[in-house]
Amino acid sequence: MFRLIGKILFFFIRFIIHLPFAVFHGLQRFFFGVNFDKMNGYEFEEYAARYLKRNGYSKVTVTKASRDFGVDLIAKKHRTTYAVQCKLYQGKVGNSAVQEAVAGKSYYNCDEAMVITNSVFYPGAIALARANDVILIDGTQLKRRSFRWSRFFQLLLFLLLCGLLIFCIISPESALI
């Protein structure tokens, strides 16, 4: 019995110690967005996959790293299959990304092509994308669209429940009233 209480107390104390750090990092990501500078290409592909899932795409899969024929993700939305090219760039994204997405769309037998980047596109890439009906999502759209009110209210509810739990632990006699 004492062993069980000790384990529960240990995990509770560990949770209380790590909670401020987790909340801080979560709030930092929530309010200030994602820091793309600290990501590598694979992490950006995973971020893009989560972004697509949050925005209504289903069956988002990451293609194999080598010989992916210009497509990093395959996603579905409303019976439409999308071939997605992800570009983590410091500078502007050029025509080659759009060309790779168009080629990958045909190779993977997808209906639409999309290019997602943390940066911005050259005007030539935008014109080529319009001519080939390629969807472009740049860094400003990624950051703007990532804010969700449901996430805000989930975080608020979580913080209120944590406050209630701490209040009940500190003063259990007043919490029963």
Protein backbone atom coordinates (compact mmCIF):
# COMPACT_ATOMS: atom_id res chain seq x y z
CA MET A 1 0.00 0.00 0.00
CA PHE A 2 2.76 2.45 0.98
CA ARG A 3 4.69 1.48 -2.12
CA LEU A 4 1.71 2.39 -4.33
CA ILE A 5 1.23 5.69 -2.54
CA GLY A 6 4.95 6.40 -2.93
CA LYS A 7 4.82 5.73 -6.67
CA ILE A 8 1.76 7.91 -7.12
CA LEU A 9 3.38 10.68 -5.09
CA PHE A 10 6.61 10.36 -7.10
CA PHE A 11 4.82 10.69 -10.46
CA PHE A 12 2.67 13.54 -9.16
CA ILE A 13 5.73 15.48 -7.95
CA ARG A 14 7.51 14.79 -11.25
CA PHE A 15 4.43 16.02 -13.12
CA ILE A 16 4.26 19.20 -11.03
CA ILE A 17 7.99 19.89 -11.61
CA HIS A 18 7.80 19.38 -15.39
CA LEU A 19 4.45 21.11 -15.87
CA PRO A 20 5.78 24.71 -15.91
CA PHE A 21 8.40 23.82 -18.53
CA ALA A 22 5.86 22.03 -20.74
CA VAL A 23 3.38 24.90 -20.39
CA PHE A 24 6.08 27.46 -21.17
CA HIS A 25 7.22 25.69 -24.34
CA GLY A 26 3.64 25.03 -25.40
CA LEU A 27 2.68 28.66 -24.88
CA GLN A 28 5.82 29.80 -26.70
CA ARG A 29 4.92 27.67 -29.75
CA PHE A 30 1.26 28.65 -29.46
CA PHE A 31 1.75 32.43 -29.35
CA PHE A 32 5.02 32.91 -31.25
CA GLY A 33 4.72 30.12 -33.81
CA VAL A 34 7.20 27.51 -34.83
CA ASN A 35 10.89 28.27 -35.20
CA PHE A 36 11.70 26.85 -38.65
CA ASP A 37 15.38 27.79 -38.26
CA LYS A 38 15.88 24.94 -35.78
CA MET A 39 14.26 22.30 -38.02
CA ASN A 40 15.84 19.97 -40.53
CA GLY A 41 14.11 18.76 -43.70
CA TYR A 42 12.54 15.69 -42.11
CA GLU A 43 11.17 17.67 -39.18
CA PHE A 44 9.68 20.20 -41.59
CA GLU A 45 7.99 17.38 -43.53
CA GLU A 46 6.49 16.08 -40.27
CA TYR A 47 5.37 19.62 -39.40
CA ALA A 48 3.77 20.00 -42.84
CA ALA A 49 1.99 16.66 -42.36
CA ARG A 50 0.57 17.82 -39.01
CA TYR A 51 -0.40 21.15 -40.59
CA LEU A 52 -2.34 19.35 -43.33
CA LYS A 53 -4.08 17.09 -40.81
CA ARG A 54 -5.11 20.12 -38.73
CA ASN A 55 -6.58 21.70 -41.85
CA GLY A 56 -8.85 18.82 -42.83
CA TYR A 57 -6.60 16.56 -44.89
CA SER A 58 -6.74 12.86 -44.15
CA LYS A 59 -4.46 9.92 -44.84
CA VAL A 60 -1.36 12.13 -44.87
CA THR A 61 1.66 9.92 -45.47
CA VAL A 62 5.34 10.78 -45.75
CA THR A 63 7.03 9.25 -48.80
CA LYS A 64 10.41 7.56 -48.58
CA ALA A 65 13.36 9.92 -48.29
CA SER A 66 15.30 8.93 -51.39
CA ARG A 67 13.87 8.71 -54.89
CA ASP A 68 10.56 10.26 -53.90
CA PHE A 69 10.25 11.86 -57.36
CA GLY A 70 9.69 15.32 -55.95
CA VAL A 71 6.87 14.44 -53.57
CA ASP A 72 7.38 14.41 -49.82
CA LEU A 73 3.78 13.89 -48.69
CA ILE A 74 0.62 12.33 -50.10
CA ALA A 75 -2.62 13.70 -48.64
CA LYS A 76 -6.35 13.31 -49.28
CA LYS A 77 -9.18 15.76 -48.82
CA HIS A 78 -12.73 15.33 -50.12
CA ARG A 79 -11.81 12.46 -52.47
CA THR A 80 -8.98 14.51 -53.97
CA THR A 81 -5.41 13.25 -53.66
CA TYR A 82 -2.61 15.80 -53.29
CA ALA A 83 1.08 15.39 -54.06
CA VAL A 84 2.93 17.71 -51.67
CA GLN A 85 6.49 19.00 -52.08
CA CYS A 86 8.02 20.44 -48.88
CA LYS A 87 10.83 23.01 -49.09
CA LEU A 88 12.66 24.22 -45.99
CA TYR A 89 14.60 27.19 -47.43
CA GLN A 90 16.43 30.24 -46.12
CA GLY A 91 15.93 32.13 -49.41
CA LYS A 92 13.15 32.25 -51.96
CA VAL A 93 11.79 29.07 -53.54
CA GLY A 94 12.14 28.84 -57.31
CA ASN A 95 10.61 27.04 -60.28
CA SER A 96 12.24 23.69 -59.52
CA ALA A 97 9.97 23.05 -56.53
CA VAL A 98 6.87 23.58 -58.66
CA GLN A 99 8.31 21.41 -61.45
CA GLU A 100 9.07 18.62 -58.96
CA ALA A 101 5.54 18.77 -57.56
CA VAL A 102 4.01 18.57 -61.06
CA ALA A 103 6.24 15.62 -61.98
CA GLY A 104 5.48 13.85 -58.69
CA LYS A 105 1.76 14.43 -59.17
CA SER A 106 1.88 12.41 -62.39
CA TYR A 107 4.18 9.74 -60.95
CA TYR A 108 2.02 9.11 -57.86
CA ASN A 109 -1.23 9.45 -59.87
CA CYS A 110 -2.54 12.33 -57.74
CA ASP A 111 -5.25 14.82 -58.63
CA GLU A 112 -3.55 18.01 -57.40
CA ALA A 113 -0.04 19.25 -56.63
CA MET A 114 1.01 21.45 -53.72
CA VAL A 115 4.24 23.09 -52.55
CA ILE A 116 4.68 24.03 -48.88
CA THR A 117 7.60 26.18 -47.74
CA ASN A 118 8.68 28.13 -44.69
CA SER A 119 9.95 30.88 -47.00
CA VAL A 120 8.39 32.75 -49.97
CA PHE A 121 8.23 32.01 -53.69
CA TYR A 122 9.89 33.79 -56.61
CA PRO A 123 7.40 35.48 -58.96
CA GLY A 124 8.39 32.99 -61.69
CA ALA A 125 7.48 30.08 -59.42
CA ILE A 126 4.12 31.68 -58.67
CA ALA A 127 3.41 32.14 -62.39
CA LEU A 128 4.42 28.53 -63.13
CA ALA A 129 2.20 27.29 -60.31
CA ARG A 130 -0.77 29.24 -61.67
CA ALA A 131 -0.21 27.78 -65.14
CA ASN A 132 -0.10 24.22 -63.74
CA ASP A 133 -2.78 24.62 -61.05
CA VAL A 134 -0.31 24.00 -58.22
CA ILE A 135 -1.34 25.13 -54.73
CA LEU A 136 1.36 27.22 -53.00
CA ILE A 137 1.56 27.63 -49.23
CA ASP A 138 4.33 29.91 -47.99
CA GLY A 139 5.67 30.64 -44.53
CA THR A 140 3.29 33.49 -43.77
CA GLN A 141 0.30 31.27 -44.56
CA LEU A 142 1.74 28.45 -42.44
CA LYS A 143 2.09 30.73 -39.44
CA ARG A 144 -1.24 32.49 -39.95
CA ARG A 145 -3.28 29.34 -40.45
CA SER A 146 -1.74 27.45 -37.55
CA PHE A 147 -3.64 29.50 -34.93
CA ARG A 148 -6.73 27.60 -33.85
CA TRP A 149 -9.26 28.84 -31.32
CA SER A 150 -10.03 25.28 -30.25
CA ARG A 151 -6.39 24.88 -29.18
CA PHE A 152 -6.67 28.11 -27.22
CA PHE A 153 -9.75 26.92 -25.33
CA GLN A 154 -8.21 23.48 -24.69
CA LEU A 155 -5.17 25.17 -23.19
CA LEU A 156 -7.35 27.47 -21.09
CA LEU A 157 -9.42 24.52 -19.82
CA PHE A 158 -6.25 22.58 -19.00
CA LEU A 159 -4.83 25.49 -17.01
CA LEU A 160 -8.12 25.94 -15.12
CA LEU A 161 -8.23 22.24 -14.23
CA CYS A 162 -4.59 22.36 -13.06
CA GLY A 163 -5.43 25.36 -10.88
CA LEU A 164 -8.45 23.55 -9.44
CA LEU A 165 -6.35 20.45 -8.74
CA ILE A 166 -3.67 22.50 -6.98
CA PHE A 167 -6.35 24.35 -4.99
CA CYS A 168 -7.87 21.04 -3.84
CA ILE A 169 -4.46 19.74 -2.78
CA ILE A 170 -3.48 22.88 -0.89
CA SER A 171 -6.77 23.30 0.97
CA PRO A 172 -8.74 20.03 0.86
CA GLU A 173 -11.21 21.02 3.60
CA SER A 174 -12.42 24.10 1.68
CA ALA A 175 -12.63 22.18 -1.61
CA LEU A 176 -15.19 19.76 -0.17
CA ILE A 177 -17.64 22.51 0.69
